[in-house]
């Protein structure tokens, strides 16, 4: 997990090289340049977003059924508050 976080931060800092030129470093710059030539800036952004969501799901053990039950509980709580206020 730590290795993937390091890679993610390296690619992110290379992606944001215009805003943070010192933090990207040589590795971030080169990896970003390599990926940009193959998949473009939008492709890098999509990979960063997708890998972030997957990492959060693995780290916090998020499952689709757990997410649905959380949403249902939230909606029930919201409807109870609405009924109490009316």
Protein backbone atom coordinates (compact mmCIF):
# COMPACT_ATOMS: atom_id res chain seq x y z
CA UNK A 1 0.00 0.00 0.00
CA UNK A 2 2.83 2.39 0.86
CA UNK A 3 4.45 1.82 -2.52
CA UNK A 4 1.26 2.71 -4.37
CA UNK A 5 0.83 5.86 -2.24
CA UNK A 6 4.38 6.93 -3.10
CA UNK A 7 3.72 6.34 -6.80
CA UNK A 8 0.42 8.20 -6.60
CA UNK A 9 2.05 11.21 -4.92
CA UNK A 10 4.87 11.19 -7.48
CA UNK A 11 2.45 11.19 -10.42
CA UNK A 12 0.25 13.83 -8.76
CA UNK A 13 3.19 16.14 -8.09
CA UNK A 14 4.38 15.68 -11.67
CA UNK A 15 0.86 16.45 -12.89
CA UNK A 16 0.84 19.66 -10.87
CA UNK A 17 4.35 20.68 -11.97
CA UNK A 18 3.15 24.07 -13.20
CA UNK A 19 1.87 24.95 -9.73
CA UNK A 20 4.54 23.22 -7.61
CA UNK A 21 7.70 22.92 -9.74
CA UNK A 22 10.08 22.04 -6.90
CA UNK A 23 7.92 19.31 -5.34
CA UNK A 24 7.57 17.30 -8.54
CA UNK A 25 11.24 16.41 -8.68
CA UNK A 26 12.93 14.56 -11.49
CA UNK A 27 11.05 11.28 -11.08
CA UNK A 28 7.64 12.96 -10.98
CA UNK A 29 8.52 15.08 -13.98
CA UNK A 30 9.76 12.13 -16.04
CA UNK A 31 6.89 9.80 -15.11
CA UNK A 32 4.38 12.52 -15.90
CA UNK A 33 6.10 13.26 -19.22
CA UNK A 34 6.04 9.55 -20.12
CA UNK A 35 2.38 9.10 -19.20
CA UNK A 36 1.39 12.35 -20.89
CA UNK A 37 2.86 11.17 -24.18
CA UNK A 38 0.74 8.00 -24.08
CA UNK A 39 -2.57 8.94 -22.46
CA UNK A 40 -2.57 12.74 -22.26
CA UNK A 41 -3.32 15.06 -19.35
CA UNK A 42 -6.96 13.98 -19.09
CA UNK A 43 -5.92 10.33 -18.97
CA UNK A 44 -3.49 11.04 -16.14
CA UNK A 45 -6.19 12.91 -14.26
CA UNK A 46 -8.64 10.02 -14.71
CA UNK A 47 -6.05 7.51 -13.50
CA UNK A 48 -5.30 9.67 -10.45
CA UNK A 49 -8.99 10.02 -9.57
CA UNK A 50 -9.75 6.33 -10.15
CA UNK A 51 -6.74 5.14 -8.16
CA UNK A 52 -7.62 7.53 -5.31
CA UNK A 53 -11.17 6.15 -5.11
CA UNK A 54 -9.90 2.56 -5.21
CA UNK A 55 -7.31 3.30 -2.50
CA UNK A 56 -9.92 4.85 -0.22
CA UNK A 57 -12.24 1.89 -0.81
CA UNK A 58 -9.50 -0.58 0.12
CA UNK A 59 -8.21 1.45 3.05
CA UNK A 60 -11.61 1.98 4.69
CA UNK A 61 -13.12 -1.35 3.52
CA UNK A 62 -15.93 0.30 1.58
CA UNK A 63 -18.36 -2.13 -0.07
CA UNK A 64 -21.36 -1.42 -2.29
CA UNK A 65 -23.80 -2.97 0.22
CA UNK A 66 -22.29 -0.94 3.05
CA UNK A 67 -22.58 2.23 1.00
CA UNK A 68 -26.23 1.52 0.16
CA UNK A 69 -27.09 0.85 3.81
CA UNK A 70 -25.34 4.08 4.80
CA UNK A 71 -27.37 6.03 2.23
CA UNK A 72 -30.62 4.36 3.36
CA UNK A 73 -29.88 5.16 7.01
CA UNK A 74 -29.15 8.76 6.08
CA UNK A 75 -32.41 9.07 4.14
CA UNK A 76 -34.40 7.54 7.02
CA UNK A 77 -32.78 9.95 9.47
CA UNK A 78 -33.51 12.87 7.16
CA UNK A 79 -37.18 11.86 6.79
CA UNK A 80 -37.52 11.49 10.58
CA UNK A 81 -36.14 14.99 11.08
CA UNK A 82 -38.57 16.32 8.47
CA UNK A 83 -41.53 14.60 10.18
CA UNK A 84 -40.51 15.91 13.61
CA UNK A 85 -40.21 19.49 12.34
CA UNK A 86 -43.61 19.47 10.59
